[in-house]
Amino acid sequence: MINALEALSRLQEGNKRFATGIRSLDTMLSQAHKPDLVAGQAPFAVILGCSDSRVPVEIVFDQGLGDLFVIRVAGNVVASSQIGSVEFAAESFGTRLVVVMGHSRCGAISATLDAIRNPECKNTRGLSSIVNRIRPAVEELIHEGEDEATLKHRAVRSNVRMAAQSLRSGSELLERLILNEGLLVVGAEYSLETGLVDFFDGVPAEMRTEK
């Protein structure tokens, strides 16, 4: 088991490789270790990310088979099933880093902003459940008069912060692991434009990608 800061550093280094068009030899050869993973797994990080097809988590962080425990849902929202999945990984595998990762140009964020602006517009029950989970994070921002690009950027980050805090405070098990066993829950945003991940929430100052 590696600690949270070592895991975070590994993700940062992997993302730098991805953004510059490099793949590590270990990642490329990870398929050869498939038989070794039959008996069990030991992922070094949990990533709760968006379902967007442009944000494939293992590729974005240049990681291979068995390295990451990935949970993907539109809008990287947190509900009971996501909390339970994080609890499972943290308790069963000793994983000590959890990353909630949003991304630029997120369709779930746009859908939420549209729903707030046009309350008469009806979404399906399933989409509404996602929109309603994002709404508290972005509702106040929409009245601040910013341009659309700035609003969406701030909304993505506000939603990530809310989701990360939901994990930190929404589970007795995770709270205990944070307090006593070094579990770290951080928030990040992936840029579709640059390929870089900015770790901006809950990250020790020396580990931030933007100082």
N, C-alpha and C. Protein backbone atom coordinates (compact mmCIF):
# COMPACT_ATOMS: atom_id res chain seq x y z
N MET A 1 0.85 -1.20 0.00
CA MET A 1 0.00 0.00 0.00
C MET A 1 0.88 1.25 0.00
N ILE A 2 0.61 2.18 -0.90
CA ILE A 2 1.36 3.42 -0.92
C ILE A 2 0.50 4.52 -0.30
N ASN A 3 1.17 5.52 0.28
CA ASN A 3 0.40 6.56 0.95
C ASN A 3 -0.22 7.52 -0.05
N ALA A 4 -1.07 8.42 0.46
CA ALA A 4 -1.85 9.28 -0.42
C ALA A 4 -0.98 10.23 -1.23
N LEU A 5 0.04 10.82 -0.62
CA LEU A 5 0.87 11.78 -1.34
C LEU A 5 1.71 11.11 -2.42
N GLU A 6 2.19 9.92 -2.14
CA GLU A 6 2.93 9.17 -3.17
C GLU A 6 2.01 8.81 -4.33
N ALA A 7 0.78 8.43 -4.00
CA ALA A 7 -0.19 8.11 -5.04
C ALA A 7 -0.51 9.34 -5.88
N LEU A 8 -0.67 10.48 -5.23
CA LEU A 8 -0.95 11.72 -5.95
C LEU A 8 0.20 12.08 -6.87
N SER A 9 1.42 11.94 -6.39
CA SER A 9 2.59 12.22 -7.22
C SER A 9 2.63 11.31 -8.44
N ARG A 10 2.27 10.06 -8.24
CA ARG A 10 2.26 9.12 -9.37
C ARG A 10 1.23 9.53 -10.42
N LEU A 11 0.08 9.99 -9.97
CA LEU A 11 -0.94 10.46 -10.91
C LEU A 11 -0.46 11.70 -11.67
N GLN A 12 0.16 12.62 -10.95
CA GLN A 12 0.65 13.84 -11.59
C GLN A 12 1.71 13.53 -12.65
N GLU A 13 2.62 12.64 -12.33
CA GLU A 13 3.66 12.28 -13.29
C GLU A 13 3.05 11.58 -14.50
N GLY A 14 2.09 10.70 -14.26
CA GLY A 14 1.43 10.02 -15.37
C GLY A 14 0.68 10.97 -16.27
N ASN A 15 0.02 11.95 -15.68
CA ASN A 15 -0.71 12.93 -16.48
C ASN A 15 0.23 13.79 -17.31
N LYS A 16 1.38 14.13 -16.75
CA LYS A 16 2.38 14.89 -17.52
C LYS A 16 2.81 14.09 -18.75
N ARG A 17 3.01 12.80 -18.57
CA ARG A 17 3.39 11.95 -19.72
C ARG A 17 2.29 11.98 -20.77
N PHE A 18 1.05 11.79 -20.33
CA PHE A 18 -0.07 11.79 -21.28
C PHE A 18 -0.16 13.10 -22.05
N ALA A 19 -0.07 14.22 -21.32
CA ALA A 19 -0.24 15.53 -21.95
C ALA A 19 0.86 15.83 -22.96
N THR A 20 2.01 15.19 -22.80
CA THR A 20 3.11 15.41 -23.73
C THR A 20 3.25 14.29 -24.76
N GLY A 21 2.27 13.40 -24.78
CA GLY A 21 2.25 12.36 -25.80
C GLY A 21 3.18 11.19 -25.55
N ILE A 22 3.52 10.97 -24.28
CA ILE A 22 4.43 9.88 -23.93
C ILE A 22 3.66 8.83 -23.14
N ARG A 23 4.00 7.57 -23.37
CA ARG A 23 3.44 6.48 -22.55
C ARG A 23 4.58 5.72 -21.92
N SER A 24 4.42 5.38 -20.65
CA SER A 24 5.49 4.64 -19.98
C SER A 24 5.50 3.19 -20.45
N LEU A 25 6.67 2.59 -20.39
CA LEU A 25 6.81 1.19 -20.78
C LEU A 25 5.99 0.29 -19.86
N ASP A 26 5.95 0.62 -18.57
CA ASP A 26 5.17 -0.19 -17.63
C ASP A 26 3.70 -0.21 -18.00
N THR A 27 3.17 0.94 -18.42
CA THR A 27 1.77 1.00 -18.83
C THR A 27 1.52 0.15 -20.06
N MET A 28 2.40 0.27 -21.03
CA MET A 28 2.23 -0.49 -22.28
C MET A 28 2.32 -1.99 -22.05
N LEU A 29 3.11 -2.39 -21.06
CA LEU A 29 3.31 -3.82 -20.80
C LEU A 29 2.36 -4.36 -19.72
N SER A 30 1.49 -3.50 -19.19
CA SER A 30 0.66 -3.92 -18.06
C SER A 30 -0.26 -5.08 -18.40
N GLN A 31 -0.62 -5.22 -19.67
CA GLN A 31 -1.49 -6.32 -20.06
C GLN A 31 -0.84 -7.67 -19.80
N ALA A 32 0.48 -7.68 -19.80
CA ALA A 32 1.19 -8.92 -19.54
C ALA A 32 0.98 -9.40 -18.11
N HIS A 33 0.57 -8.48 -17.23
CA HIS A 33 0.35 -8.84 -15.82
C HIS A 33 -1.08 -9.30 -15.56
N LYS A 34 -1.87 -9.43 -16.60
CA LYS A 34 -3.27 -9.81 -16.43
C LYS A 34 -3.44 -11.08 -15.59
N PRO A 35 -2.66 -12.15 -15.82
CA PRO A 35 -2.83 -13.35 -14.99
C PRO A 35 -2.58 -13.09 -13.50
N ASP A 36 -1.69 -12.15 -13.20
CA ASP A 36 -1.37 -11.87 -11.80
C ASP A 36 -2.53 -11.20 -11.07
N LEU A 37 -3.43 -10.59 -11.82
CA LEU A 37 -4.54 -9.84 -11.22
C LEU A 37 -5.77 -10.70 -10.97
N VAL A 38 -5.73 -11.94 -11.43
CA VAL A 38 -6.90 -12.81 -11.25
C VAL A 38 -7.20 -13.01 -9.77
N ALA A 39 -6.17 -13.16 -8.97
CA ALA A 39 -6.37 -13.47 -7.55
C ALA A 39 -6.73 -12.27 -6.71
N GLY A 40 -6.49 -11.06 -7.22
CA GLY A 40 -6.81 -9.88 -6.42
C GLY A 40 -6.27 -8.61 -7.04
N GLN A 41 -6.56 -7.49 -6.39
CA GLN A 41 -6.14 -6.20 -6.91
C GLN A 41 -5.66 -5.32 -5.77
N ALA A 42 -4.85 -4.32 -6.13
CA ALA A 42 -4.34 -3.37 -5.15
C ALA A 42 -4.20 -2.00 -5.81
N PRO A 43 -5.31 -1.40 -6.24
CA PRO A 43 -5.23 -0.08 -6.89
C PRO A 43 -4.66 0.96 -5.94
N PHE A 44 -3.82 1.86 -6.47
CA PHE A 44 -3.19 2.84 -5.59
C PHE A 44 -4.01 4.12 -5.47
N ALA A 45 -5.05 4.28 -6.29
CA ALA A 45 -5.91 5.46 -6.18
C ALA A 45 -7.32 5.11 -6.64
N VAL A 46 -8.28 5.81 -6.05
CA VAL A 46 -9.68 5.74 -6.48
C VAL A 46 -9.98 7.03 -7.24
N ILE A 47 -10.54 6.90 -8.44
CA ILE A 47 -10.91 8.08 -9.21
C ILE A 47 -12.42 8.05 -9.45
N LEU A 48 -13.10 9.07 -8.94
CA LEU A 48 -14.52 9.26 -9.25
C LEU A 48 -14.59 10.33 -10.33
N GLY A 49 -14.86 9.91 -11.57
CA GLY A 49 -14.84 10.84 -12.68
C GLY A 49 -16.14 10.82 -13.46
N CYS A 50 -16.18 11.65 -14.49
CA CYS A 50 -17.35 11.77 -15.34
C CYS A 50 -17.35 10.66 -16.40
N SER A 51 -18.53 10.33 -16.89
CA SER A 51 -18.66 9.29 -17.91
C SER A 51 -18.25 9.74 -19.30
N ASP A 52 -17.97 11.02 -19.47
CA ASP A 52 -17.64 11.59 -20.78
C ASP A 52 -16.58 10.75 -21.50
N SER A 53 -16.85 10.41 -22.76
CA SER A 53 -15.95 9.53 -23.51
C SER A 53 -14.59 10.16 -23.78
N ARG A 54 -14.50 11.47 -23.60
CA ARG A 54 -13.24 12.17 -23.85
C ARG A 54 -12.31 12.17 -22.64
N VAL A 55 -12.75 11.54 -21.56
CA VAL A 55 -11.97 11.56 -20.32
C VAL A 55 -11.75 10.13 -19.81
N PRO A 56 -11.04 9.29 -20.58
CA PRO A 56 -10.77 7.92 -20.14
C PRO A 56 -9.69 7.94 -19.06
N VAL A 57 -10.05 7.61 -17.85
CA VAL A 57 -9.21 7.90 -16.69
C VAL A 57 -7.84 7.23 -16.76
N GLU A 58 -7.80 5.93 -17.04
CA GLU A 58 -6.50 5.25 -17.08
C GLU A 58 -5.57 5.86 -18.12
N ILE A 59 -6.12 6.27 -19.25
CA ILE A 59 -5.29 6.87 -20.30
C ILE A 59 -4.81 8.24 -19.88
N VAL A 60 -5.70 9.05 -19.31
CA VAL A 60 -5.35 10.41 -18.89
C VAL A 60 -4.22 10.41 -17.87
N PHE A 61 -4.15 9.37 -17.04
CA PHE A 61 -3.10 9.28 -16.03
C PHE A 61 -2.00 8.29 -16.42
N ASP A 62 -2.05 7.77 -17.64
CA ASP A 62 -1.04 6.84 -18.12
C ASP A 62 -0.81 5.70 -17.13
N GLN A 63 -1.89 5.02 -16.78
CA GLN A 63 -1.82 3.90 -15.86
C GLN A 63 -2.33 2.64 -16.54
N GLY A 64 -1.96 1.50 -15.98
CA GLY A 64 -2.29 0.23 -16.60
C GLY A 64 -3.30 -0.59 -15.82
N LEU A 65 -3.39 -1.85 -16.19
CA LEU A 65 -4.32 -2.77 -15.54
C LEU A 65 -4.03 -2.85 -14.04
N GLY A 66 -5.08 -2.73 -13.25
CA GLY A 66 -4.95 -2.91 -11.81
C GLY A 66 -4.45 -1.72 -11.04
N ASP A 67 -4.14 -0.61 -11.72
CA ASP A 67 -3.57 0.55 -11.02
C ASP A 67 -4.61 1.44 -10.37
N LEU A 68 -5.76 1.60 -11.02
CA LEU A 68 -6.76 2.55 -10.55
C LEU A 68 -8.12 1.88 -10.35
N PHE A 69 -8.81 2.30 -9.31
CA PHE A 69 -10.18 1.87 -9.06
C PHE A 69 -11.06 3.02 -9.54
N VAL A 70 -11.73 2.82 -10.67
CA VAL A 70 -12.40 3.92 -11.37
C VAL A 70 -13.92 3.81 -11.24
N ILE A 71 -14.53 4.92 -10.83
CA ILE A 71 -15.98 5.05 -10.75
C ILE A 71 -16.36 6.18 -11.69
N ARG A 72 -17.21 5.90 -12.66
CA ARG A 72 -17.57 6.95 -13.63
C ARG A 72 -19.09 7.11 -13.67
N VAL A 73 -19.51 8.36 -13.58
CA VAL A 73 -20.92 8.70 -13.63
C VAL A 73 -21.03 10.11 -14.19
N ALA A 74 -22.04 10.37 -14.99
CA ALA A 74 -22.20 11.70 -15.59
C ALA A 74 -22.18 12.78 -14.51
N GLY A 75 -21.37 13.81 -14.73
CA GLY A 75 -21.28 14.90 -13.78
C GLY A 75 -20.50 14.59 -12.52
N ASN A 76 -19.80 13.43 -12.51
CA ASN A 76 -19.04 13.00 -11.32
C ASN A 76 -19.79 13.29 -10.02
N VAL A 77 -21.10 12.95 -10.02
CA VAL A 77 -21.93 13.20 -8.85
C VAL A 77 -21.72 12.11 -7.81
N VAL A 78 -22.07 12.43 -6.58
CA VAL A 78 -21.92 11.48 -5.47
C VAL A 78 -23.30 11.12 -4.94
N ALA A 79 -23.63 9.84 -5.05
CA ALA A 79 -24.83 9.27 -4.45
C ALA A 79 -24.39 8.08 -3.59
N SER A 80 -25.34 7.38 -3.01
CA SER A 80 -25.00 6.29 -2.09
C SER A 80 -24.13 5.22 -2.75
N SER A 81 -24.41 4.91 -4.00
CA SER A 81 -23.64 3.86 -4.67
C SER A 81 -22.19 4.28 -4.88
N GLN A 82 -21.96 5.58 -5.17
CA GLN A 82 -20.59 6.05 -5.31
C GLN A 82 -19.85 6.03 -3.97
N ILE A 83 -20.53 6.47 -2.92
CA ILE A 83 -19.91 6.42 -1.59
C ILE A 83 -19.56 4.99 -1.23
N GLY A 84 -20.48 4.07 -1.48
CA GLY A 84 -20.22 2.67 -1.18
C GLY A 84 -19.05 2.11 -1.97
N SER A 85 -18.93 2.51 -3.22
CA SER A 85 -17.81 2.04 -4.04
C SER A 85 -16.48 2.54 -3.50
N VAL A 86 -16.44 3.81 -3.07
CA VAL A 86 -15.21 4.35 -2.49
C VAL A 86 -14.90 3.65 -1.17
N GLU A 87 -15.92 3.43 -0.36
CA GLU A 87 -15.72 2.71 0.90
C GLU A 87 -15.12 1.33 0.65
N PHE A 88 -15.65 0.65 -0.36
CA PHE A 88 -15.18 -0.70 -0.68
C PHE A 88 -13.70 -0.70 -1.01
N ALA A 89 -13.29 0.22 -1.87
CA ALA A 89 -11.88 0.27 -2.28
C ALA A 89 -10.98 0.65 -1.11
N ALA A 90 -11.41 1.65 -0.34
CA ALA A 90 -10.57 2.12 0.76
C ALA A 90 -10.41 1.05 1.84
N GLU A 91 -11.48 0.32 2.11
CA GLU A 91 -11.42 -0.69 3.17
C GLU A 91 -10.82 -2.00 2.69
N SER A 92 -11.20 -2.43 1.49
CA SER A 92 -10.78 -3.75 1.03
C SER A 92 -9.35 -3.77 0.50
N PHE A 93 -8.92 -2.68 -0.14
CA PHE A 93 -7.61 -2.66 -0.79
C PHE A 93 -6.61 -1.74 -0.11
N GLY A 94 -7.06 -0.99 0.89
CA GLY A 94 -6.15 -0.07 1.57
C GLY A 94 -5.79 1.14 0.74
N THR A 95 -6.56 1.45 -0.29
CA THR A 95 -6.28 2.60 -1.14
C THR A 95 -6.47 3.87 -0.33
N ARG A 96 -5.48 4.76 -0.40
CA ARG A 96 -5.49 5.93 0.48
C ARG A 96 -5.64 7.26 -0.24
N LEU A 97 -5.84 7.24 -1.55
CA LEU A 97 -6.10 8.48 -2.28
C LEU A 97 -7.40 8.34 -3.06
N VAL A 98 -8.28 9.33 -2.90
CA VAL A 98 -9.52 9.40 -3.65
C VAL A 98 -9.52 10.73 -4.40
N VAL A 99 -9.73 10.68 -5.70
CA VAL A 99 -9.78 11.88 -6.53
C VAL A 99 -11.15 12.02 -7.16
N VAL A 100 -11.81 13.15 -6.92
CA VAL A 100 -13.03 13.49 -7.64
C VAL A 100 -12.60 14.38 -8.81
N MET A 101 -12.85 13.93 -10.04
CA MET A 101 -12.34 14.66 -11.19
C MET A 101 -13.45 15.07 -12.15
N GLY A 102 -13.64 16.39 -12.27
CA GLY A 102 -14.50 16.94 -13.29
C GLY A 102 -13.69 17.29 -14.52
N HIS A 103 -14.31 17.92 -15.49
CA HIS A 103 -13.59 18.28 -16.71
C HIS A 103 -14.23 19.47 -17.40
N SER A 104 -13.46 20.13 -18.22
CA SER A 104 -13.98 21.27 -18.97
C SER A 104 -15.05 20.81 -19.96
N ARG A 105 -15.93 21.73 -20.31
CA ARG A 105 -17.00 21.48 -21.28
C ARG A 105 -17.87 20.27 -20.89
N CYS A 106 -18.19 20.18 -19.62
CA CYS A 106 -18.98 19.06 -19.11
C CYS A 106 -20.45 19.20 -19.49
N GLY A 107 -20.99 18.19 -20.15
CA GLY A 107 -22.38 18.22 -20.58
C GLY A 107 -23.36 18.21 -19.43
N ALA A 108 -23.01 17.53 -18.34
CA ALA A 108 -23.92 17.50 -17.19
C ALA A 108 -24.02 18.87 -16.53
N ILE A 109 -22.91 19.60 -16.51
CA ILE A 109 -22.93 20.96 -15.99
C ILE A 109 -23.80 21.85 -16.88
N SER A 110 -23.63 21.74 -18.19
CA SER A 110 -24.44 22.53 -19.12
C SER A 110 -25.92 22.21 -18.97
N ALA A 111 -26.24 20.91 -18.80
CA ALA A 111 -27.64 20.51 -18.64
C ALA A 111 -28.23 21.09 -17.36
N THR A 112 -27.42 21.16 -16.32
CA THR A 112 -27.90 21.73 -15.06
C THR A 112 -28.15 23.22 -15.19
N LEU A 113 -27.23 23.93 -15.82
CA LEU A 113 -27.42 25.37 -16.03
C LEU A 113 -28.67 25.63 -16.89
N ASP A 114 -28.86 24.80 -17.91
CA ASP A 114 -30.05 24.95 -18.75
C ASP A 114 -31.33 24.71 -17.96
N ALA A 115 -31.30 23.71 -17.07
CA ALA A 115 -32.48 23.40 -16.28
C ALA A 115 -32.82 24.54 -15.31
N ILE A 116 -31.80 25.18 -14.78
CA ILE A 116 -32.04 26.30 -13.86
C ILE A 116 -32.62 27.49 -14.62
N ARG A 117 -32.10 27.74 -15.81
CA ARG A 117 -32.56 28.88 -16.60
C ARG A 117 -33.94 28.64 -17.21
N ASN A 118 -34.24 27.38 -17.50
CA ASN A 118 -35.50 27.05 -18.17
C ASN A 118 -36.26 25.99 -17.37
N PRO A 119 -36.84 26.36 -16.26
CA PRO A 119 -37.49 25.38 -15.38
C PRO A 119 -38.65 24.64 -16.04
N GLU A 120 -39.20 25.20 -17.12
CA GLU A 120 -40.30 24.52 -17.79
C GLU A 120 -39.81 23.36 -18.65
N CYS A 121 -38.50 23.33 -18.91
CA CYS A 121 -37.92 22.25 -19.72
C CYS A 121 -37.89 20.97 -18.90
N LYS A 122 -38.45 19.89 -19.43
CA LYS A 122 -38.56 18.64 -18.68
C LYS A 122 -37.48 17.65 -19.11
N ASN A 123 -36.73 17.16 -18.13
CA ASN A 123 -35.76 16.10 -18.37
C ASN A 123 -36.36 14.76 -17.95
N THR A 124 -35.72 13.68 -18.38
CA THR A 124 -36.13 12.36 -17.92
C THR A 124 -35.86 12.24 -16.43
N ARG A 125 -36.47 11.26 -15.78
CA ARG A 125 -36.25 11.07 -14.35
C ARG A 125 -34.78 10.82 -14.05
N GLY A 126 -34.14 10.01 -14.90
CA GLY A 126 -32.73 9.70 -14.68
C GLY A 126 -31.84 10.92 -14.80
N LEU A 127 -32.03 11.70 -15.87
CA LEU A 127 -31.21 12.90 -16.05
C LEU A 127 -31.52 13.91 -14.95
N SER A 128 -32.76 14.01 -14.56
CA SER A 128 -33.13 14.94 -13.49
C SER A 128 -32.42 14.59 -12.18
N SER A 129 -32.21 13.29 -11.93
CA SER A 129 -31.53 12.90 -10.69
C SER A 129 -30.09 13.40 -10.68
N ILE A 130 -29.46 13.43 -11.86
CA ILE A 130 -28.09 13.96 -11.95
C ILE A 130 -28.11 15.48 -11.82
N VAL A 131 -28.98 16.12 -12.57
CA VAL A 131 -29.10 17.58 -12.52
C VAL A 131 -29.38 18.06 -11.10
N ASN A 132 -30.25 17.38 -10.40
CA ASN A 132 -30.63 17.80 -9.05
C ASN A 132 -29.48 17.65 -8.06
N ARG A 133 -28.58 16.73 -8.32
CA ARG A 133 -27.41 16.58 -7.44
C ARG A 133 -26.38 17.68 -7.71
N ILE A 134 -26.30 18.14 -8.96
CA ILE A 134 -25.35 19.20 -9.31
C ILE A 134 -25.89 20.58 -8.94
N ARG A 135 -27.20 20.74 -9.01
CA ARG A 135 -27.84 22.05 -8.85
C ARG A 135 -27.34 22.84 -7.63
N PRO A 136 -27.24 22.27 -6.43
CA PRO A 136 -26.82 23.09 -5.28
C PRO A 136 -25.43 23.70 -5.44
N ALA A 137 -24.58 23.06 -6.24
CA ALA A 137 -23.22 23.56 -6.42
C ALA A 137 -23.15 24.74 -7.37
N VAL A 138 -24.14 24.88 -8.25
CA VAL A 138 -24.03 25.89 -9.31
C VAL A 138 -25.13 26.94 -9.28
N GLU A 139 -26.16 26.71 -8.48
CA GLU A 139 -27.34 27.57 -8.54
C GLU A 139 -27.02 29.03 -8.23
N GLU A 140 -26.18 29.25 -7.22
CA GLU A 140 -25.86 30.62 -6.84
C GLU A 140 -24.96 31.31 -7.85
N LEU A 141 -24.15 30.54 -8.57
CA LEU A 141 -23.21 31.13 -9.51
C LEU A 141 -23.91 31.77 -10.70
N ILE A 142 -25.06 31.25 -11.05
CA ILE A 142 -25.72 31.66 -12.29
C ILE A 142 -26.21 33.10 -12.23
N HIS A 143 -26.31 33.65 -11.03
CA HIS A 143 -26.83 35.00 -10.87
C HIS A 143 -25.72 36.04 -10.74
N GLU A 144 -24.47 35.64 -10.94
CA GLU A 144 -23.36 36.57 -10.70
C GLU A 144 -22.93 37.34 -11.94
N GLY A 145 -23.60 37.12 -13.07
CA GLY A 145 -23.39 37.95 -14.24
C GLY A 145 -22.09 37.73 -14.98
N GLU A 146 -21.47 36.57 -14.84
CA GLU A 146 -20.22 36.31 -15.54
C GLU A 146 -20.50 35.81 -16.96
N ASP A 147 -19.47 35.89 -17.81
CA ASP A 147 -19.64 35.35 -19.15
C ASP A 147 -19.80 33.84 -19.08
N GLU A 148 -20.33 33.25 -20.14
CA GLU A 148 -20.70 31.83 -20.12
C GLU A 148 -19.51 30.91 -19.86
N ALA A 149 -18.37 31.20 -20.48
CA ALA A 149 -17.20 30.33 -20.31
C ALA A 149 -16.72 30.35 -18.86
N THR A 150 -16.68 31.53 -18.26
CA THR A 150 -16.25 31.65 -16.86
C THR A 150 -17.25 30.96 -15.94
N LEU A 151 -18.53 31.14 -16.22
CA LEU A 151 -19.56 30.50 -15.41
C LEU A 151 -19.41 28.98 -15.42
N LYS A 152 -19.22 28.41 -16.60
CA LYS A 152 -19.11 26.95 -16.69
C LYS A 152 -17.85 26.45 -16.01
N HIS A 153 -16.76 27.20 -16.14
CA HIS A 153 -15.52 26.81 -15.46
C HIS A 153 -15.71 26.80 -13.95
N ARG A 154 -16.30 27.85 -13.43
CA ARG A 154 -16.54 27.92 -11.99
C ARG A 154 -17.53 26.85 -11.54
N ALA A 155 -18.52 26.57 -12.38
CA ALA A 155 -19.53 25.56 -12.04
C ALA A 155 -18.91 24.17 -11.95
N VAL A 156 -18.02 23.84 -12.89
CA VAL A 156 -17.33 22.54 -12.86
C VAL A 156 -16.59 22.39 -11.53
N ARG A 157 -15.86 23.43 -11.15
CA ARG A 157 -15.05 23.34 -9.93
C ARG A 157 -15.91 23.33 -8.67
N SER A 158 -16.98 24.09 -8.67
CA SER A 158 -17.88 24.09 -7.53
C SER A 158 -18.51 22.71 -7.34
N ASN A 159 -18.87 22.09 -8.45
CA ASN A 159 -19.45 20.74 -8.38
C ASN A 159 -18.45 19.72 -7.87
N VAL A 160 -17.20 19.84 -8.31
CA VAL A 160 -16.15 18.94 -7.82
C VAL A 160 -15.96 19.12 -6.31
N ARG A 161 -15.87 20.38 -5.87
CA ARG A 161 -15.69 20.64 -4.44
C ARG A 161 -16.83 20.05 -3.61
N MET A 162 -18.06 20.21 -4.10
CA MET A 162 -19.21 19.68 -3.38
C MET A 162 -19.15 18.16 -3.31
N ALA A 163 -18.80 17.52 -4.42
CA ALA A 163 -18.73 16.06 -4.45
C ALA A 163 -17.63 15.55 -3.53
N ALA A 164 -16.47 16.21 -3.54
CA ALA A 164 -15.38 15.79 -2.67
C ALA A 164 -15.76 15.93 -1.20
N GLN A 165 -16.43 17.03 -0.87
CA GLN A 165 -16.86 17.22 0.51
C GLN A 165 -17.92 16.20 0.90
N SER A 166 -18.75 15.80 -0.04
CA SER A 166 -19.76 14.77 0.25
C SER A 166 -19.10 13.45 0.63
N LEU A 167 -17.97 13.15 0.00
CA LEU A 167 -17.24 11.93 0.36
C LEU A 167 -16.55 12.09 1.71
N ARG A 168 -15.99 13.26 1.96
CA ARG A 168 -15.28 13.47 3.23
C ARG A 168 -16.22 13.40 4.43
N SER A 169 -17.46 13.84 4.24
CA SER A 169 -18.37 13.96 5.40
C SER A 169 -19.60 13.08 5.29
N GLY A 170 -19.69 12.25 4.25
CA GLY A 170 -20.91 11.46 4.04
C GLY A 170 -20.79 10.00 4.42
N SER A 171 -19.69 9.64 5.09
CA SER A 171 -19.48 8.24 5.43
C SER A 171 -18.68 8.15 6.72
N GLU A 172 -19.20 7.43 7.70
CA GLU A 172 -18.46 7.25 8.95
C GLU A 172 -17.13 6.53 8.70
N LEU A 173 -17.15 5.56 7.78
CA LEU A 173 -15.92 4.83 7.48
C LEU A 173 -14.87 5.74 6.87
N LEU A 174 -15.26 6.53 5.88
CA LEU A 174 -14.29 7.41 5.24
C LEU A 174 -13.81 8.49 6.20
N GLU A 175 -14.70 9.01 7.03
CA GLU A 175 -14.29 10.00 8.02
C GLU A 175 -13.23 9.41 8.95
N ARG A 176 -13.43 8.17 9.36
CA ARG A 176 -12.45 7.52 10.26
C ARG A 176 -11.12 7.32 9.55
N LEU A 177 -11.17 6.89 8.30
CA LEU A 177 -9.92 6.67 7.57
C LEU A 177 -9.18 7.98 7.32
N ILE A 178 -9.92 9.07 7.09
CA ILE A 178 -9.28 10.38 6.92
C ILE A 178 -8.62 10.81 8.22
N LEU A 179 -9.30 10.61 9.32
CA LEU A 179 -8.81 11.07 10.63
C LEU A 179 -7.64 10.24 11.13
N ASN A 180 -7.71 8.93 10.92
CA ASN A 180 -6.75 8.04 11.58
C ASN A 180 -5.79 7.29 10.66
N GLU A 181 -6.11 7.18 9.38
CA GLU A 181 -5.31 6.27 8.55
C GLU A 181 -4.82 6.90 7.24
N GLY A 182 -4.81 8.21 7.18
CA GLY A 182 -4.15 8.88 6.07
C GLY A 182 -4.91 8.93 4.76
N LEU A 183 -6.21 8.65 4.77
CA LEU A 183 -6.99 8.77 3.54
C LEU A 183 -7.08 10.24 3.15
N LEU A 184 -6.88 10.53 1.87
CA LEU A 184 -6.96 11.89 1.35
C LEU A 184 -7.97 11.92 0.21
N VAL A 185 -8.92 12.86 0.29
CA VAL A 185 -9.90 13.07 -0.78
C VAL A 185 -9.61 14.42 -1.41
N VAL A 186 -9.32 14.44 -2.70
CA VAL A 186 -8.98 15.69 -3.37
C VAL A 186 -9.88 15.89 -4.59
N GLY A 187 -9.95 17.14 -5.03
CA GLY A 187 -10.73 17.48 -6.22
C GLY A 187 -9.82 17.94 -7.34
N ALA A 188 -10.19 17.60 -8.58
CA ALA A 188 -9.36 17.93 -9.73
C ALA A 188 -10.23 18.25 -10.94
N GLU A 189 -9.63 18.94 -11.90
CA GLU A 189 -10.31 19.22 -13.16
C GLU A 189 -9.40 18.85 -14.31
N TYR A 190 -9.92 18.08 -15.25
CA TYR A 190 -9.20 17.73 -16.46
C TYR A 190 -9.56 18.70 -17.57
N SER A 191 -8.55 19.20 -18.25
CA SER A 191 -8.77 20.14 -19.36
C SER A 191 -8.78 19.36 -20.68
N LEU A 192 -9.92 19.40 -21.37
CA LEU A 192 -9.97 18.78 -22.69
C LEU A 192 -9.01 19.47 -23.65
N GLU A 193 -8.78 20.75 -23.42
CA GLU A 193 -7.96 21.54 -24.33
C GLU A 193 -6.47 21.20 -24.22
N THR A 194 -5.98 21.00 -23.00
CA THR A 194 -4.54 20.78 -22.80
C THR A 194 -4.17 19.35 -22.44
N GLY A 195 -5.15 18.58 -21.97
CA GLY A 195 -4.84 17.23 -21.50
C GLY A 195 -4.29 17.18 -20.09
N LEU A 196 -4.21 18.33 -19.43
CA LEU A 196 -3.64 18.39 -18.09
C LEU A 196 -4.73 18.32 -17.02
N VAL A 197 -4.39 17.72 -15.89
CA VAL A 197 -5.27 17.67 -14.73
C VAL A 197 -4.74 18.63 -13.68
N ASP A 198 -5.61 19.53 -13.22
CA ASP A 198 -5.27 20.46 -12.15
C ASP A 198 -5.90 19.97 -10.86
N PHE A 199 -5.06 19.60 -9.90
CA PHE A 199 -5.53 19.19 -8.58
C PHE A 199 -5.66 20.46 -7.73
N PHE A 200 -6.88 20.84 -7.40
CA PHE A 200 -7.09 22.16 -6.82
C PHE A 200 -7.81 22.17 -5.48
N ASP A 201 -8.38 21.05 -5.05
CA ASP A 201 -9.18 21.05 -3.83
C ASP A 201 -8.67 19.97 -2.88
N GLY A 202 -8.37 20.38 -1.63
CA GLY A 202 -7.96 19.42 -0.61
C GLY A 202 -6.55 18.90 -0.79
N VAL A 203 -5.74 19.60 -1.61
CA VAL A 203 -4.39 19.14 -1.92
C VAL A 203 -3.38 19.94 -1.10
N PRO A 204 -2.43 19.28 -0.45
CA PRO A 204 -1.37 20.03 0.24
C PRO A 204 -0.69 21.01 -0.70
N ALA A 205 -0.33 22.17 -0.20
CA ALA A 205 0.21 23.25 -1.05
C ALA A 205 1.37 22.79 -1.91
N GLU A 206 2.25 21.97 -1.36
CA GLU A 206 3.45 21.56 -2.10
C GLU A 206 3.13 20.59 -3.24
N MET A 207 1.91 20.05 -3.26
CA MET A 207 1.54 19.08 -4.28
C MET A 207 0.62 19.67 -5.35
N ARG A 208 0.26 20.93 -5.22
CA ARG A 208 -0.68 21.52 -6.17
C ARG A 208 -0.02 21.68 -7.53
N THR A 209 -0.82 21.43 -8.58
CA THR A 209 -0.31 21.57 -9.92
C THR A 209 -0.27 23.02 -10.34
N GLU A 210 -1.13 23.86 -9.73
CA GLU A 210 -1.06 25.31 -9.94
C GLU A 210 -0.76 25.96 -8.61
N LYS A 211 0.38 26.63 -8.50
CA LYS A 211 0.83 27.22 -7.23
C LYS A 211 0.09 28.54 -6.98
